[in-house]
C-alpha atoms as a PDB file:
ATOM      1  CA  VAL A   1      70.624  -7.495 -26.590  1.00  0.00           C
ATOM      2  CA  ALA A   2      73.298  -9.734 -25.072  1.00  0.00           C
ATOM      3  CA  SER A   3      76.053  -7.743 -26.773  1.00  0.00           C
ATOM      4  CA  TRP A   4      75.113  -4.447 -25.107  1.00  0.00           C
ATOM      5  CA  PRO A   5      73.426  -5.316 -21.811  1.00  0.00           C
ATOM      6  CA  LYS A   6      73.718  -1.791 -20.377  1.00  0.00           C
ATOM      7  CA  ILE A   7      72.200  -0.132 -23.454  1.00  0.00           C
ATOM      8  CA  PHE A   8      69.351  -2.532 -24.205  1.00  0.00           C
ATOM      9  CA  TYR A   9      68.184  -3.363 -20.729  1.00  0.00           C
ATOM     10  CA  PHE A  10      64.508  -4.115 -20.490  1.00  0.00           C
ATOM     11  CA  SER A  11      63.340  -5.730 -17.285  1.00  0.00           C
ATOM     12  CA  TYR A  12      60.379  -7.327 -19.060  1.00  0.00           C
ATOM     13  CA  MET A  13      62.296  -9.002 -21.927  1.00  0.00           C
ATOM     14  CA  ASP A  14      62.207 -12.453 -20.333  1.00  0.00           C
ATOM     15  CA  GLU A  15      58.436 -12.252 -19.848  1.00  0.00           C
ATOM     16  CA  ILE A  16      57.541 -11.565 -23.504  1.00  0.00           C
ATOM     17  CA  ARG A  17      56.029 -14.487 -25.384  1.00  0.00           C
ATOM     18  CA  TYR A  18      56.742 -14.300 -29.100  1.00  0.00           C
ATOM     19  CA  PHE A  19      54.793 -17.369 -30.224  1.00  0.00           C
ATOM     20  CA  GLY A  20      51.911 -19.380 -28.844  1.00  0.00           C
ATOM     21  CA  GLY A  21      48.457 -17.945 -28.427  1.00  0.00           C
ATOM     22  CA  MET A  22      46.661 -14.643 -28.679  1.00  0.00           C
ATOM     23  CA  ASP A  23      48.671 -13.094 -25.857  1.00  0.00           C
ATOM     24  CA  SER A  24      51.906 -13.496 -27.843  1.00  0.00           C
ATOM     25  CA  VAL A  25      53.513 -11.032 -30.249  1.00  0.00           C
ATOM     26  CA  ALA A  26      52.840 -13.265 -33.266  1.00  0.00           C
ATOM     27  CA  GLY A  27      49.231 -13.864 -32.212  1.00  0.00           C
ATOM     28  CA  CYS A  28      48.472 -10.167 -31.832  1.00  0.00           C
ATOM     29  CA  ALA A  29      50.192  -9.322 -35.125  1.00  0.00           C
ATOM     30  CA  THR A  30      48.271 -12.057 -36.958  1.00  0.00           C
ATOM     31  CA  PHE A  31      44.970 -10.853 -35.513  1.00  0.00           C
ATOM     32  CA  LEU A  32      45.742  -7.260 -36.496  1.00  0.00           C
ATOM     33  CA  TYR A  33      46.678  -8.331 -40.039  1.00  0.00           C
ATOM     34  CA  PHE A  34      43.435 -10.260 -40.536  1.00  0.00           C
ATOM     35  CA  MET A  35      41.415  -7.318 -39.234  1.00  0.00           C
ATOM     36  CA  TRP A  36      43.152  -5.033 -41.759  1.00  0.00           C
ATOM     37  CA  PHE A  37      42.679  -7.627 -44.524  1.00  0.00           C
ATOM     38  CA  ALA A  38      38.931  -7.913 -43.869  1.00  0.00           C
ATOM     39  CA  PHE A  39      38.535  -4.121 -43.923  1.00  0.00           C
ATOM     40  CA  TYR A  40      40.658  -3.753 -47.085  1.00  0.00           C
ATOM     41  CA  VAL A  41      38.812  -6.433 -49.053  1.00  0.00           C
ATOM     42  CA  SER A  42      35.424  -5.061 -47.978  1.00  0.00           C
ATOM     43  CA  PHE A  43      36.433  -1.525 -48.951  1.00  0.00           C
ATOM     44  CA  MET A  44      37.816  -2.593 -52.328  1.00  0.00           C
ATOM     45  CA  LEU A  45      34.798  -4.708 -53.235  1.00  0.00           C
ATOM     46  CA  LEU A  46      32.228  -2.114 -52.164  1.00  0.00           C
ATOM     47  CA  VAL A  47      33.858   1.201 -53.091  1.00  0.00           C
ATOM     48  CA  GLY A  48      37.516   1.097 -54.069  1.00  0.00           C
ATOM     49  CA  ILE A  49      37.288  -0.867 -57.305  1.00  0.00           C
ATOM     50  CA  ASN A  50      35.317   2.003 -58.915  1.00  0.00           C
ATOM     51  CA  MET A  51      37.202   4.998 -57.510  1.00  0.00           C
ATOM     52  CA  PRO A  52      39.873   5.539 -60.214  1.00  0.00           C
ATOM     53  CA  ARG A  53      37.674   4.484 -63.149  1.00  0.00           C
ATOM     54  CA  THR A  54      37.804   6.921 -66.081  1.00  0.00           C
ATOM     55  CA  TYR A  55      34.602   5.709 -67.795  1.00  0.00           C
ATOM     56  CA  GLU A  56      31.276   4.708 -66.267  1.00  0.00           C
ATOM     57  CA  LYS A  57      29.605   1.428 -67.262  1.00  0.00           C
ATOM     58  CA  ASN A  58      27.235   3.326 -69.574  1.00  0.00           C
ATOM     59  CA  GLY A  59      30.190   4.817 -71.490  1.00  0.00           C
ATOM     60  CA  GLU A  60      30.106   8.327 -70.050  1.00  0.00           C
ATOM     61  CA  ARG A  61      33.334   9.937 -68.919  1.00  0.00           C
ATOM     62  CA  ALA A  62      33.850   9.601 -65.158  1.00  0.00           C
ATOM     63  CA  ASP A  63      35.774  11.813 -62.779  1.00  0.00           C
ATOM     64  CA  PRO A  64      38.380   9.607 -61.050  1.00  0.00           C
ATOM     65  CA  THR A  65      38.533  10.468 -57.358  1.00  0.00           C
ATOM     66  CA  TYR A  66      41.339   8.421 -55.802  1.00  0.00           C
ATOM     67  CA  ASP A  67      43.869   5.857 -56.911  1.00  0.00           C
ATOM     68  CA  THR A  68      44.366   2.556 -55.090  1.00  0.00           C
ATOM     69  CA  VAL A  69      47.365   0.275 -54.673  1.00  0.00           C
ATOM     70  CA  PHE A  70      45.517  -2.416 -56.606  1.00  0.00           C
ATOM     71  CA  HIS A  71      44.952  -0.153 -59.607  1.00  0.00           C
ATOM     72  CA  SER A  72      48.510   1.142 -59.528  1.00  0.00           C
ATOM     73  CA  THR A  73      49.893  -2.407 -59.492  1.00  0.00           C
ATOM     74  CA  MET A  74      47.651  -3.499 -62.331  1.00  0.00           C
ATOM     75  CA  ARG A  75      48.574  -0.449 -64.440  1.00  0.00           C
ATOM     76  CA  GLN A  76      52.290  -1.134 -63.972  1.00  0.00           C
ATOM     77  CA  GLY A  77      51.959  -4.305 -66.022  1.00  0.00           C
ATOM     78  CA  ALA A  78      50.412  -6.957 -63.778  1.00  0.00           C
ATOM     79  CA  CYS A  79      47.159  -6.735 -65.736  1.00  0.00           C
ATOM     80  CA  ILE A  80      48.624  -8.401 -68.826  1.00  0.00           C
ATOM     81  CA  PRO A  81      49.820 -11.691 -67.246  1.00  0.00           C
ATOM     82  CA  VAL A  82      46.854 -11.830 -64.838  1.00  0.00           C
ATOM     83  CA  GLY A  83      44.457 -11.342 -67.744  1.00  0.00           C
ATOM     84  CA  ARG A  84      46.234 -13.848 -69.964  1.00  0.00           C
ATOM     85  CA  TYR A  85      46.731 -16.684 -67.455  1.00  0.00           C
ATOM     86  CA  PHE A  86      43.695 -16.343 -65.184  1.00  0.00           C
ATOM     87  CA  ARG A  87      41.059 -14.668 -67.359  1.00  0.00           C
ATOM     88  CA  GLY A  88      41.984 -15.679 -70.934  1.00  0.00           C
ATOM     89  CA  ARG A  89      42.004 -12.019 -71.946  1.00  0.00           C
ATOM     90  CA  SER A  90      43.943 -10.708 -74.952  1.00  0.00           C
ATOM     91  CA  LYS A  91      46.821  -8.277 -74.529  1.00  0.00           C
ATOM     92  CA  SER A  92      44.913  -5.512 -76.328  1.00  0.00           C
ATOM     93  CA  ASP A  93      41.968  -5.900 -73.922  1.00  0.00           C
ATOM     94  CA  SER A  94      44.330  -5.758 -70.949  1.00  0.00           C
ATOM     95  CA  LEU A  95      46.002  -2.624 -72.326  1.00  0.00           C
ATOM     96  CA  ARG A  96      42.583  -0.983 -72.735  1.00  0.00           C
ATOM     97  CA  LEU A  97      41.694  -1.845 -69.137  1.00  0.00           C
ATOM     98  CA  MET A  98      45.014  -0.426 -67.960  1.00  0.00           C
ATOM     99  CA  GLU A  99      44.392   2.822 -69.845  1.00  0.00           C
ATOM    100  CA  GLU A 100      40.829   3.245 -68.565  1.00  0.00           C
ATOM    101  CA  ASN A 101      41.356   1.843 -65.021  1.00  0.00           C
ATOM    102  CA  ASP A 102      38.338  -0.339 -65.721  1.00  0.00           C
ATOM    103  CA  PHE A 103      39.209  -3.525 -63.838  1.00  0.00           C
ATOM    104  CA  ASP A 104      36.546  -6.048 -62.886  1.00  0.00           C
ATOM    105  CA  THR A 105      35.838  -7.304 -59.400  1.00  0.00           C
ATOM    106  CA  ILE A 106      37.103 -10.695 -60.602  1.00  0.00           C
ATOM    107  CA  ASP A 107      40.495  -9.100 -61.369  1.00  0.00           C
ATOM    108  CA  PHE A 108      40.745  -8.132 -57.729  1.00  0.00           C
END
């Protein structure tokens, strides 16, 4: 801003608070993030975890509707180390889960 004062001239620049309270840029961004996070976790736990599943719990073939970022990340290989270190799951079980998109709520 100081390098090009005639190009980036904003009369309100000195009045903006970046940190310190809910009326600052950081406060508003943090609030918005936590609102998104609460919605995302609620959606995933209630609906999203079952959307791309290829088999129902009773063994019947399911029709996957939508993919989620969580499922995509787990299919790209994150399921194997997460299953091994946090769940004590074998690599073959993790590969089966990756193929069927059948991740547990605990995996989330």
